[in-house]
Amino acid sequence: MSAVKKRGANPNARAAFAVILLLVIAAFILFAVFTPRKAEIADGKLRFKHLFTSFEVPLDGIASAELLETRPSLRKVSGIGVFFLSEGKYDVDGYGRCTVSLNQSEPPFIAVTAEGGETCIFSLNDQEATEEFYGELAAALGDDG
């Protein structure tokens, strides 16, 4: 008579896996929060980069730029949406489908709409940096962004 060993999940292994998974998620969130958001105006273009989101818009192709003091309502289409980090494609009230990269807890936000209608909403790492960059953008657009 042979003994057949029943295979089942080891409760200790499952707990270890859950702890490791939570640590990986926490590390990713910390990485995402502390990775600098970079925006620049160079060669007649607005360039933005953060994690998985980047875009480039020619300054002469920008229809409007505005500083948003509050976050509009967002609904994720694809990308990341954890706690206060929103990054990817979102449906945004008043703007439609947008490219978004922002820390929801750090207003203001910059909304840039291209002449073709595509809007990008982003913020930099803190309030002062976002406001300063918006000033640079408005000046580059002739103060009437």
N, C-alpha and C. Protein backbone atom coordinates (compact mmCIF):
# COMPACT_ATOMS: atom_id res chain seq x y z
N MET A 1 0.84 -1.17 0.00
CA MET A 1 0.00 0.00 0.00
C MET A 1 0.89 1.24 0.00
N SER A 2 0.64 2.12 -0.94
CA SER A 2 1.46 3.33 -1.01
C SER A 2 0.70 4.51 -0.43
N ALA A 3 1.45 5.31 0.22
CA ALA A 3 0.85 6.51 0.82
C ALA A 3 0.89 7.64 -0.20
N VAL A 4 -0.23 8.19 -0.46
CA VAL A 4 -0.31 9.32 -1.37
C VAL A 4 -0.34 10.59 -0.53
N LYS A 5 0.65 11.43 -0.79
CA LYS A 5 0.73 12.67 -0.04
C LYS A 5 -0.18 13.70 -0.70
N LYS A 6 -1.03 14.25 0.07
CA LYS A 6 -1.96 15.25 -0.44
C LYS A 6 -1.21 16.57 -0.59
N ARG A 7 -1.33 17.15 -1.79
CA ARG A 7 -0.66 18.43 -2.05
C ARG A 7 -1.62 19.56 -1.72
N GLY A 8 -1.15 20.48 -1.00
CA GLY A 8 -1.96 21.64 -0.65
C GLY A 8 -1.05 22.81 -0.39
N ALA A 9 -1.62 23.95 -0.34
CA ALA A 9 -0.83 25.15 -0.10
C ALA A 9 -0.38 25.18 1.35
N ASN A 10 0.87 25.46 1.51
CA ASN A 10 1.44 25.60 2.84
C ASN A 10 1.03 26.96 3.39
N PRO A 11 0.34 27.01 4.52
CA PRO A 11 -0.10 28.31 5.06
C PRO A 11 1.05 29.27 5.32
N ASN A 12 2.20 28.76 5.73
CA ASN A 12 3.35 29.63 5.97
C ASN A 12 3.88 30.23 4.67
N ALA A 13 3.89 29.43 3.62
CA ALA A 13 4.34 29.91 2.31
C ALA A 13 3.39 30.97 1.78
N ARG A 14 2.10 30.75 1.97
CA ARG A 14 1.11 31.73 1.51
C ARG A 14 1.26 33.05 2.26
N ALA A 15 1.49 32.98 3.55
CA ALA A 15 1.67 34.20 4.35
C ALA A 15 2.94 34.93 3.93
N ALA A 16 4.02 34.17 3.70
CA ALA A 16 5.28 34.79 3.27
C ALA A 16 5.10 35.47 1.91
N PHE A 17 4.40 34.80 1.00
CA PHE A 17 4.15 35.38 -0.32
C PHE A 17 3.35 36.68 -0.19
N ALA A 18 2.33 36.68 0.65
CA ALA A 18 1.50 37.88 0.84
C ALA A 18 2.33 39.03 1.40
N VAL A 19 3.19 38.74 2.35
CA VAL A 19 4.04 39.79 2.94
C VAL A 19 5.00 40.34 1.89
N ILE A 20 5.61 39.45 1.12
CA ILE A 20 6.54 39.90 0.07
C ILE A 20 5.80 40.74 -0.97
N LEU A 21 4.63 40.31 -1.36
CA LEU A 21 3.84 41.06 -2.34
C LEU A 21 3.50 42.46 -1.81
N LEU A 22 3.09 42.55 -0.57
CA LEU A 22 2.77 43.86 0.03
C LEU A 22 4.01 44.74 0.09
N LEU A 23 5.16 44.17 0.41
CA LEU A 23 6.40 44.96 0.45
C LEU A 23 6.78 45.46 -0.94
N VAL A 24 6.60 44.63 -1.95
CA VAL A 24 6.89 45.06 -3.33
C VAL A 24 5.96 46.20 -3.74
N ILE A 25 4.69 46.08 -3.43
CA ILE A 25 3.73 47.14 -3.76
C ILE A 25 4.08 48.43 -3.03
N ALA A 26 4.41 48.33 -1.74
CA ALA A 26 4.78 49.52 -0.96
C ALA A 26 6.05 50.16 -1.53
N ALA A 27 7.02 49.34 -1.92
CA ALA A 27 8.26 49.88 -2.50
C ALA A 27 7.97 50.59 -3.81
N PHE A 28 7.10 50.01 -4.63
CA PHE A 28 6.74 50.66 -5.90
C PHE A 28 6.07 52.01 -5.66
N ILE A 29 5.15 52.05 -4.72
CA ILE A 29 4.45 53.30 -4.43
C ILE A 29 5.45 54.36 -3.95
N LEU A 30 6.36 53.98 -3.06
CA LEU A 30 7.37 54.93 -2.59
C LEU A 30 8.26 55.39 -3.74
N PHE A 31 8.65 54.45 -4.60
CA PHE A 31 9.46 54.80 -5.76
C PHE A 31 8.72 55.79 -6.66
N ALA A 32 7.45 55.52 -6.91
CA ALA A 32 6.64 56.39 -7.78
C ALA A 32 6.48 57.78 -7.19
N VAL A 33 6.26 57.85 -5.89
CA VAL A 33 6.05 59.14 -5.24
C VAL A 33 7.33 59.97 -5.24
N PHE A 34 8.46 59.33 -5.01
CA PHE A 34 9.71 60.08 -4.88
C PHE A 34 10.50 60.21 -6.17
N THR A 35 10.04 59.59 -7.26
CA THR A 35 10.68 59.79 -8.55
C THR A 35 10.31 61.18 -9.06
N PRO A 36 11.30 62.00 -9.36
CA PRO A 36 10.98 63.36 -9.79
C PRO A 36 10.17 63.41 -11.08
N ARG A 37 9.23 64.32 -11.10
CA ARG A 37 8.51 64.63 -12.34
C ARG A 37 9.33 65.72 -13.03
N LYS A 38 9.62 65.51 -14.30
CA LYS A 38 10.46 66.46 -15.01
C LYS A 38 9.68 67.10 -16.14
N ALA A 39 9.68 68.41 -16.15
CA ALA A 39 9.06 69.18 -17.23
C ALA A 39 10.06 70.23 -17.66
N GLU A 40 10.10 70.46 -18.96
CA GLU A 40 11.00 71.49 -19.48
C GLU A 40 10.41 72.10 -20.73
N ILE A 41 10.87 73.30 -21.00
CA ILE A 41 10.54 73.98 -22.25
C ILE A 41 11.86 74.15 -22.96
N ALA A 42 12.01 73.48 -24.09
CA ALA A 42 13.26 73.54 -24.86
C ALA A 42 12.96 73.27 -26.32
N ASP A 43 13.71 73.91 -27.17
CA ASP A 43 13.58 73.71 -28.63
C ASP A 43 12.15 73.92 -29.11
N GLY A 44 11.45 74.88 -28.50
CA GLY A 44 10.08 75.17 -28.92
C GLY A 44 9.06 74.13 -28.52
N LYS A 45 9.39 73.28 -27.53
CA LYS A 45 8.48 72.21 -27.12
C LYS A 45 8.37 72.14 -25.60
N LEU A 46 7.20 71.72 -25.15
CA LEU A 46 6.98 71.36 -23.75
C LEU A 46 7.21 69.86 -23.67
N ARG A 47 8.12 69.45 -22.77
CA ARG A 47 8.39 68.02 -22.57
C ARG A 47 8.13 67.67 -21.11
N PHE A 48 7.50 66.50 -20.90
CA PHE A 48 7.20 66.03 -19.55
C PHE A 48 7.55 64.55 -19.47
N LYS A 49 8.10 64.12 -18.30
CA LYS A 49 8.42 62.70 -18.09
C LYS A 49 8.29 62.36 -16.62
N HIS A 50 7.60 61.25 -16.36
CA HIS A 50 7.53 60.66 -15.02
C HIS A 50 7.14 59.20 -15.17
N LEU A 51 7.93 58.32 -14.63
CA LEU A 51 7.69 56.87 -14.67
C LEU A 51 7.29 56.40 -16.06
N PHE A 52 6.03 56.05 -16.25
CA PHE A 52 5.55 55.46 -17.50
C PHE A 52 4.85 56.47 -18.39
N THR A 53 4.81 57.72 -17.98
CA THR A 53 4.11 58.75 -18.74
C THR A 53 5.09 59.80 -19.24
N SER A 54 5.04 60.05 -20.52
CA SER A 54 5.83 61.14 -21.08
C SER A 54 5.05 61.71 -22.26
N PHE A 55 5.26 62.98 -22.50
CA PHE A 55 4.66 63.60 -23.67
C PHE A 55 5.50 64.79 -24.09
N GLU A 56 5.28 65.20 -25.32
CA GLU A 56 5.98 66.34 -25.90
C GLU A 56 4.96 67.09 -26.76
N VAL A 57 4.85 68.39 -26.53
CA VAL A 57 3.88 69.20 -27.27
C VAL A 57 4.60 70.44 -27.80
N PRO A 58 4.58 70.68 -29.11
CA PRO A 58 5.17 71.92 -29.62
C PRO A 58 4.43 73.13 -29.02
N LEU A 59 5.18 74.13 -28.61
CA LEU A 59 4.55 75.31 -28.01
C LEU A 59 3.56 75.97 -28.96
N ASP A 60 3.89 75.98 -30.27
CA ASP A 60 2.96 76.61 -31.21
C ASP A 60 1.73 75.74 -31.48
N GLY A 61 1.70 74.54 -30.91
CA GLY A 61 0.54 73.67 -31.05
C GLY A 61 -0.33 73.63 -29.80
N ILE A 62 -0.01 74.48 -28.81
CA ILE A 62 -0.79 74.52 -27.57
C ILE A 62 -1.93 75.52 -27.72
N ALA A 63 -3.14 75.04 -27.59
CA ALA A 63 -4.33 75.90 -27.69
C ALA A 63 -4.57 76.64 -26.38
N SER A 64 -4.33 75.96 -25.23
CA SER A 64 -4.53 76.61 -23.93
C SER A 64 -3.71 75.92 -22.87
N ALA A 65 -3.39 76.69 -21.85
CA ALA A 65 -2.71 76.15 -20.66
C ALA A 65 -3.34 76.84 -19.47
N GLU A 66 -3.67 76.06 -18.45
CA GLU A 66 -4.28 76.67 -17.27
C GLU A 66 -3.76 76.00 -16.01
N LEU A 67 -3.76 76.78 -14.94
CA LEU A 67 -3.37 76.28 -13.64
C LEU A 67 -4.64 75.93 -12.89
N LEU A 68 -4.78 74.66 -12.51
CA LEU A 68 -5.98 74.19 -11.82
C LEU A 68 -5.69 74.13 -10.33
N GLU A 69 -6.45 74.86 -9.54
CA GLU A 69 -6.25 74.88 -8.09
C GLU A 69 -6.84 73.65 -7.41
N THR A 70 -7.80 73.02 -8.06
CA THR A 70 -8.39 71.79 -7.52
C THR A 70 -8.34 70.70 -8.60
N ARG A 71 -8.33 69.47 -8.16
CA ARG A 71 -8.27 68.34 -9.08
C ARG A 71 -9.65 68.08 -9.66
N PRO A 72 -9.74 68.03 -10.99
CA PRO A 72 -11.03 67.65 -11.59
C PRO A 72 -11.31 66.17 -11.32
N SER A 73 -12.52 65.76 -11.52
CA SER A 73 -12.91 64.37 -11.31
C SER A 73 -12.23 63.49 -12.36
N LEU A 74 -11.57 62.41 -11.89
CA LEU A 74 -10.82 61.50 -12.76
C LEU A 74 -11.41 60.11 -12.72
N ARG A 75 -11.45 59.44 -13.89
CA ARG A 75 -11.82 58.04 -13.97
C ARG A 75 -10.76 57.33 -14.81
N LYS A 76 -10.05 56.40 -14.20
CA LYS A 76 -8.92 55.73 -14.87
C LYS A 76 -9.42 54.87 -16.03
N VAL A 77 -8.73 55.01 -17.17
CA VAL A 77 -8.96 54.17 -18.34
C VAL A 77 -7.86 53.12 -18.38
N SER A 78 -6.62 53.57 -18.26
CA SER A 78 -5.48 52.67 -18.19
C SER A 78 -4.35 53.38 -17.46
N GLY A 79 -3.54 52.63 -16.77
CA GLY A 79 -2.42 53.22 -16.05
C GLY A 79 -2.47 52.88 -14.58
N ILE A 80 -1.95 53.79 -13.77
CA ILE A 80 -1.82 53.58 -12.33
C ILE A 80 -2.76 54.54 -11.62
N GLY A 81 -3.45 54.03 -10.64
CA GLY A 81 -4.31 54.85 -9.80
C GLY A 81 -4.30 54.29 -8.39
N VAL A 82 -3.28 54.64 -7.61
CA VAL A 82 -3.16 54.15 -6.24
C VAL A 82 -3.05 55.34 -5.29
N PHE A 83 -3.83 55.26 -4.24
CA PHE A 83 -3.84 56.31 -3.22
C PHE A 83 -3.89 57.67 -3.87
N PHE A 84 -2.80 58.43 -3.85
CA PHE A 84 -2.81 59.78 -4.38
C PHE A 84 -2.09 59.90 -5.71
N LEU A 85 -1.59 58.80 -6.27
CA LEU A 85 -0.87 58.82 -7.53
C LEU A 85 -1.80 58.45 -8.68
N SER A 86 -1.88 59.32 -9.67
CA SER A 86 -2.65 59.05 -10.89
C SER A 86 -1.71 59.22 -12.07
N GLU A 87 -1.59 58.18 -12.87
CA GLU A 87 -0.67 58.23 -14.00
C GLU A 87 -1.20 57.35 -15.12
N GLY A 88 -1.36 57.91 -16.31
CA GLY A 88 -1.83 57.14 -17.45
C GLY A 88 -2.92 57.88 -18.20
N LYS A 89 -3.84 57.12 -18.78
CA LYS A 89 -4.98 57.70 -19.51
C LYS A 89 -6.19 57.71 -18.58
N TYR A 90 -6.84 58.87 -18.49
CA TYR A 90 -7.99 59.05 -17.63
C TYR A 90 -9.07 59.82 -18.39
N ASP A 91 -10.32 59.54 -18.06
CA ASP A 91 -11.42 60.39 -18.49
C ASP A 91 -11.56 61.45 -17.41
N VAL A 92 -11.49 62.71 -17.82
CA VAL A 92 -11.47 63.82 -16.88
C VAL A 92 -12.65 64.74 -17.18
N ASP A 93 -13.46 65.01 -16.14
CA ASP A 93 -14.61 65.91 -16.32
C ASP A 93 -14.15 67.25 -16.89
N GLY A 94 -14.81 67.65 -17.95
CA GLY A 94 -14.50 68.93 -18.59
C GLY A 94 -13.40 68.87 -19.63
N TYR A 95 -12.68 67.74 -19.72
CA TYR A 95 -11.57 67.64 -20.66
C TYR A 95 -11.64 66.41 -21.55
N GLY A 96 -12.42 65.41 -21.18
CA GLY A 96 -12.46 64.17 -21.95
C GLY A 96 -11.29 63.27 -21.61
N ARG A 97 -10.86 62.47 -22.58
CA ARG A 97 -9.75 61.53 -22.37
C ARG A 97 -8.43 62.30 -22.35
N CYS A 98 -7.66 62.14 -21.28
CA CYS A 98 -6.43 62.90 -21.08
C CYS A 98 -5.27 62.00 -20.68
N THR A 99 -4.07 62.50 -20.93
CA THR A 99 -2.87 61.92 -20.36
C THR A 99 -2.67 62.62 -19.02
N VAL A 100 -2.53 61.83 -17.94
CA VAL A 100 -2.47 62.38 -16.60
C VAL A 100 -1.24 61.86 -15.87
N SER A 101 -0.56 62.75 -15.15
CA SER A 101 0.53 62.36 -14.25
C SER A 101 0.55 63.37 -13.12
N LEU A 102 -0.04 62.97 -12.00
CA LEU A 102 -0.08 63.91 -10.89
C LEU A 102 -0.17 63.22 -9.54
N ASN A 103 0.24 63.97 -8.55
CA ASN A 103 0.06 63.59 -7.16
C ASN A 103 -1.19 64.34 -6.71
N GLN A 104 -2.28 63.61 -6.51
CA GLN A 104 -3.57 64.23 -6.22
C GLN A 104 -3.55 65.09 -4.96
N SER A 105 -2.64 64.81 -4.04
CA SER A 105 -2.61 65.55 -2.78
C SER A 105 -1.77 66.81 -2.86
N GLU A 106 -1.20 67.12 -4.03
CA GLU A 106 -0.34 68.29 -4.19
C GLU A 106 -0.85 69.24 -5.28
N PRO A 107 -2.01 69.89 -5.09
CA PRO A 107 -2.40 70.88 -6.09
C PRO A 107 -1.45 72.07 -6.02
N PRO A 108 -1.36 72.87 -7.02
CA PRO A 108 -2.18 72.92 -8.23
C PRO A 108 -1.67 71.94 -9.29
N PHE A 109 -2.42 71.89 -10.40
CA PHE A 109 -2.10 71.04 -11.53
C PHE A 109 -2.11 71.89 -12.79
N ILE A 110 -1.38 71.46 -13.78
CA ILE A 110 -1.32 72.19 -15.06
C ILE A 110 -2.07 71.38 -16.10
N ALA A 111 -3.00 72.02 -16.79
CA ALA A 111 -3.73 71.40 -17.89
C ALA A 111 -3.30 72.08 -19.18
N VAL A 112 -2.76 71.30 -20.09
CA VAL A 112 -2.31 71.81 -21.39
C VAL A 112 -3.13 71.11 -22.46
N THR A 113 -3.82 71.90 -23.26
CA THR A 113 -4.64 71.36 -24.34
C THR A 113 -4.02 71.73 -25.67
N ALA A 114 -3.74 70.72 -26.48
CA ALA A 114 -3.17 70.94 -27.81
C ALA A 114 -4.27 71.36 -28.77
N GLU A 115 -3.87 71.95 -29.87
CA GLU A 115 -4.85 72.40 -30.87
C GLU A 115 -5.71 71.25 -31.38
N GLY A 116 -5.19 70.03 -31.38
CA GLY A 116 -5.97 68.86 -31.82
C GLY A 116 -6.97 68.40 -30.78
N GLY A 117 -6.96 69.00 -29.58
CA GLY A 117 -7.94 68.66 -28.55
C GLY A 117 -7.42 67.76 -27.44
N GLU A 118 -6.24 67.12 -27.62
CA GLU A 118 -5.67 66.25 -26.58
C GLU A 118 -5.20 67.11 -25.41
N THR A 119 -5.60 66.71 -24.20
CA THR A 119 -5.20 67.44 -23.00
C THR A 119 -4.30 66.57 -22.14
N CYS A 120 -3.27 67.20 -21.59
CA CYS A 120 -2.37 66.56 -20.64
C CYS A 120 -2.48 67.34 -19.33
N ILE A 121 -2.69 66.63 -18.24
CA ILE A 121 -2.80 67.26 -16.92
C ILE A 121 -1.69 66.68 -16.06
N PHE A 122 -0.87 67.56 -15.49
CA PHE A 122 0.28 67.09 -14.73
C PHE A 122 0.61 68.04 -13.61
N SER A 123 1.45 67.55 -12.71
CA SER A 123 2.01 68.39 -11.67
C SER A 123 3.46 67.98 -11.49
N LEU A 124 4.21 68.84 -10.86
CA LEU A 124 5.59 68.51 -10.55
C LEU A 124 5.63 68.02 -9.10
N ASN A 125 6.80 67.96 -8.51
CA ASN A 125 6.91 67.29 -7.21
C ASN A 125 6.32 68.06 -6.05
N ASP A 126 6.15 69.36 -6.19
CA ASP A 126 5.53 70.12 -5.10
C ASP A 126 4.83 71.34 -5.67
N GLN A 127 4.07 72.00 -4.83
CA GLN A 127 3.25 73.14 -5.24
C GLN A 127 4.10 74.25 -5.86
N GLU A 128 5.20 74.59 -5.21
CA GLU A 128 6.04 75.69 -5.70
C GLU A 128 6.61 75.39 -7.08
N ALA A 129 7.09 74.17 -7.28
CA ALA A 129 7.67 73.79 -8.57
C ALA A 129 6.61 73.83 -9.68
N THR A 130 5.40 73.39 -9.37
CA THR A 130 4.32 73.41 -10.36
C THR A 130 3.96 74.85 -10.72
N GLU A 131 3.81 75.72 -9.72
CA GLU A 131 3.47 77.12 -9.98
C GLU A 131 4.58 77.82 -10.76
N GLU A 132 5.84 77.56 -10.41
CA GLU A 132 6.96 78.16 -11.11
C GLU A 132 7.00 77.71 -12.57
N PHE A 133 6.80 76.41 -12.81
CA PHE A 133 6.82 75.92 -14.19
C PHE A 133 5.65 76.49 -14.99
N TYR A 134 4.49 76.62 -14.35
CA TYR A 134 3.36 77.21 -15.06
C TYR A 134 3.69 78.65 -15.48
N GLY A 135 4.36 79.39 -14.62
CA GLY A 135 4.79 80.75 -14.97
C GLY A 135 5.71 80.75 -16.18
N GLU A 136 6.65 79.81 -16.23
CA GLU A 136 7.55 79.69 -17.37
C GLU A 136 6.76 79.34 -18.64
N LEU A 137 5.82 78.44 -18.52
CA LEU A 137 5.01 78.02 -19.66
C LEU A 137 4.16 79.19 -20.17
N ALA A 138 3.52 79.91 -19.25
CA ALA A 138 2.71 81.07 -19.65
C ALA A 138 3.55 82.10 -20.35
N ALA A 139 4.76 82.35 -19.84
CA ALA A 139 5.66 83.32 -20.49
C ALA A 139 6.06 82.84 -21.87
N ALA A 140 6.36 81.55 -22.02
CA ALA A 140 6.73 81.00 -23.32
C ALA A 140 5.59 81.06 -24.32
N LEU A 141 4.36 81.02 -23.80
CA LEU A 141 3.18 81.08 -24.67
C LEU A 141 2.73 82.52 -24.91
N GLY A 142 3.43 83.48 -24.35
CA GLY A 142 3.07 84.88 -24.53
C GLY A 142 2.09 85.37 -23.49
N ASP A 143 2.09 84.76 -22.30
CA ASP A 143 1.24 85.15 -21.16
C ASP A 143 -0.26 85.01 -21.41
N ASP A 144 -0.65 84.42 -22.51
CA ASP A 144 -2.08 84.29 -22.75
C ASP A 144 -2.49 82.83 -22.88
N GLY A 145 -1.57 81.89 -22.42
CA GLY A 145 -1.80 80.45 -22.54
C GLY A 145 -3.21 80.14 -22.44
